[in-house]
Amino acid sequence: PRAGPVVGGEQIAQFWGGVMAAGGTALRLETTEVESCGETLIEVGRYTLSSTAGQVVDQGKHIVIWKQEDGAWKVQRDIWNTSLLPQQ
């Protein structure tokens, strides 16, 4: 949300390092729907990001597109957005 794409291992590590530095330490994912399209899976679900103290930092929904490559499922695309209202 409110940012460009995060692409590649270095950017992904930097992004999650920032999330952890901001206090988000526990991520819970709940898959609510999965659809298979040959070598592609589409996963729909919800997430909750909490702090070490158990306080909800963010929550929202996500879609992940998985591709099968050489017998292994790999994330091809992952997008989420918050369900929380921005703080004024």
C-alpha atoms as a PDB file:
ATOM      1  CA  PRO A   1       0.000   0.000   0.000  1.00  0.00           C
ATOM      2  CA  ARG A   2       1.194   3.497  -0.938  1.00  0.00           C
ATOM      3  CA  ALA A   3       4.448   2.076  -2.375  1.00  0.00           C
ATOM      4  CA  GLY A   4       5.870   0.697  -5.583  1.00  0.00           C
ATOM      5  CA  PRO A   5       6.526  -2.974  -6.286  1.00  0.00           C
ATOM      6  CA  VAL A   6       9.082  -4.837  -4.170  1.00  0.00           C
ATOM      7  CA  VAL A   7      11.076  -7.036  -6.554  1.00  0.00           C
ATOM      8  CA  GLY A   8      13.947  -9.452  -5.899  1.00  0.00           C
ATOM      9  CA  GLY A   9      15.528 -10.892  -2.791  1.00  0.00           C
ATOM     10  CA  GLU A  10      17.357  -7.745  -1.689  1.00  0.00           C
ATOM     11  CA  GLN A  11      14.272  -5.510  -1.888  1.00  0.00           C
ATOM     12  CA  ILE A  12      12.095  -8.134  -0.184  1.00  0.00           C
ATOM     13  CA  ALA A  13      14.595  -8.477   2.698  1.00  0.00           C
ATOM     14  CA  GLN A  14      14.792  -4.686   3.029  1.00  0.00           C
ATOM     15  CA  PHE A  15      10.989  -4.370   3.060  1.00  0.00           C
ATOM     16  CA  TRP A  16      10.479  -7.010   5.773  1.00  0.00           C
ATOM     17  CA  GLY A  17      13.380  -5.584   7.779  1.00  0.00           C
ATOM     18  CA  GLY A  18      11.513  -2.267   7.805  1.00  0.00           C
ATOM     19  CA  VAL A  19       8.281  -3.976   8.887  1.00  0.00           C
ATOM     20  CA  MET A  20      10.091  -5.663  11.775  1.00  0.00           C
ATOM     21  CA  ALA A  21      11.859  -2.428  12.758  1.00  0.00           C
ATOM     22  CA  ALA A  22       8.440  -0.731  12.889  1.00  0.00           C
ATOM     23  CA  GLY A  23       7.226  -3.335  15.400  1.00  0.00           C
ATOM     24  CA  GLY A  24       5.528  -5.969  13.219  1.00  0.00           C
ATOM     25  CA  THR A  25       6.850  -9.325  14.398  1.00  0.00           C
ATOM     26  CA  ALA A  26       4.080 -11.909  13.919  1.00  0.00           C
ATOM     27  CA  LEU A  27       2.254 -12.483  10.636  1.00  0.00           C
ATOM     28  CA  ARG A  28      -0.826 -14.730  10.511  1.00  0.00           C
ATOM     29  CA  LEU A  29      -2.143 -15.731   7.080  1.00  0.00           C
ATOM     30  CA  GLU A  30      -5.570 -17.284   6.567  1.00  0.00           C
ATOM     31  CA  THR A  31      -6.325 -18.790   3.167  1.00  0.00           C
ATOM     32  CA  THR A  32     -10.023 -18.486   2.326  1.00  0.00           C
ATOM     33  CA  GLU A  33     -10.015 -19.676  -1.298  1.00  0.00           C
ATOM     34  CA  VAL A  34      -7.717 -21.535  -3.697  1.00  0.00           C
ATOM     35  CA  GLU A  35      -8.331 -21.983  -7.426  1.00  0.00           C
ATOM     36  CA  SER A  36      -6.238 -24.226  -9.659  1.00  0.00           C
ATOM     37  CA  CYS A  37      -5.529 -23.333 -13.284  1.00  0.00           C
ATOM     38  CA  GLY A  38      -3.110 -25.998 -14.545  1.00  0.00           C
ATOM     39  CA  GLU A  39       0.382 -25.038 -13.355  1.00  0.00           C
ATOM     40  CA  THR A  40      -1.001 -21.930 -11.638  1.00  0.00           C
ATOM     41  CA  LEU A  41      -2.765 -21.582  -8.275  1.00  0.00           C
ATOM     42  CA  ILE A  42      -4.595 -18.477  -7.123  1.00  0.00           C
ATOM     43  CA  GLU A  43      -4.782 -18.041  -3.349  1.00  0.00           C
ATOM     44  CA  VAL A  44      -7.104 -15.511  -1.702  1.00  0.00           C
ATOM     45  CA  GLY A  45      -7.037 -14.776   2.006  1.00  0.00           C
ATOM     46  CA  ARG A  46      -6.666 -12.465   4.971  1.00  0.00           C
ATOM     47  CA  TYR A  47      -3.669 -11.444   7.050  1.00  0.00           C
ATOM     48  CA  THR A  48      -3.037 -10.043  10.510  1.00  0.00           C
ATOM     49  CA  LEU A  49       0.292  -8.453  11.459  1.00  0.00           C
ATOM     50  CA  SER A  50       0.896  -8.172  15.202  1.00  0.00           C
ATOM     51  CA  SER A  51       3.582  -6.750  17.478  1.00  0.00           C
ATOM     52  CA  THR A  52       5.579  -8.729  20.031  1.00  0.00           C
ATOM     53  CA  ALA A  53       3.022  -7.618  22.638  1.00  0.00           C
ATOM     54  CA  GLY A  54       0.209  -9.127  20.540  1.00  0.00           C
ATOM     55  CA  GLN A  55      -1.209  -5.760  19.438  1.00  0.00           C
ATOM     56  CA  VAL A  56      -2.609  -5.740  15.875  1.00  0.00           C
ATOM     57  CA  VAL A  57      -0.381  -3.516  13.725  1.00  0.00           C
ATOM     58  CA  ASP A  58      -2.194  -4.157  10.423  1.00  0.00           C
ATOM     59  CA  GLN A  59      -4.823  -6.422   8.951  1.00  0.00           C
ATOM     60  CA  GLY A  60      -6.244  -6.852   5.503  1.00  0.00           C
ATOM     61  CA  LYS A  61      -6.572  -9.137   2.509  1.00  0.00           C
ATOM     62  CA  HIS A  62      -4.158 -10.715   0.026  1.00  0.00           C
ATOM     63  CA  ILE A  63      -3.934 -12.559  -3.285  1.00  0.00           C
ATOM     64  CA  VAL A  64      -0.975 -14.795  -4.146  1.00  0.00           C
ATOM     65  CA  ILE A  65      -0.348 -16.337  -7.569  1.00  0.00           C
ATOM     66  CA  TRP A  66       1.726 -19.524  -7.425  1.00  0.00           C
ATOM     67  CA  LYS A  67       3.465 -21.148 -10.426  1.00  0.00           C
ATOM     68  CA  GLN A  68       4.772 -24.693 -10.569  1.00  0.00           C
ATOM     69  CA  GLU A  69       8.398 -24.783 -11.725  1.00  0.00           C
ATOM     70  CA  ASP A  70      10.428 -27.995 -11.852  1.00  0.00           C
ATOM     71  CA  GLY A  71       7.945 -29.738  -9.531  1.00  0.00           C
ATOM     72  CA  ALA A  72       7.984 -26.985  -6.879  1.00  0.00           C
ATOM     73  CA  TRP A  73       5.385 -24.278  -6.216  1.00  0.00           C
ATOM     74  CA  LYS A  74       6.881 -20.781  -6.245  1.00  0.00           C
ATOM     75  CA  VAL A  75       5.305 -17.402  -5.587  1.00  0.00           C
ATOM     76  CA  GLN A  76       5.056 -15.447  -8.818  1.00  0.00           C
ATOM     77  CA  ARG A  77       2.959 -12.501  -7.572  1.00  0.00           C
ATOM     78  CA  ASP A  78       1.838 -11.426  -4.108  1.00  0.00           C
ATOM     79  CA  ILE A  79      -0.298  -8.374  -3.377  1.00  0.00           C
ATOM     80  CA  TRP A  80      -2.128  -7.207  -0.294  1.00  0.00           C
ATOM     81  CA  ASN A  81      -3.897  -4.164   1.032  1.00  0.00           C
ATOM     82  CA  THR A  82      -4.875  -3.039   4.454  1.00  0.00           C
ATOM     83  CA  SER A  83      -8.407  -2.998   5.769  1.00  0.00           C
ATOM     84  CA  LEU A  84      -7.519  -0.433   8.452  1.00  0.00           C
ATOM     85  CA  LEU A  85      -8.367   3.222   7.967  1.00  0.00           C
ATOM     86  CA  PRO A  86      -5.397   5.610   7.781  1.00  0.00           C
ATOM     87  CA  GLN A  87      -4.602   7.414  11.039  1.00  0.00           C
ATOM     88  CA  GLN A  88      -5.398  11.131  10.816  1.00  0.00           C
END
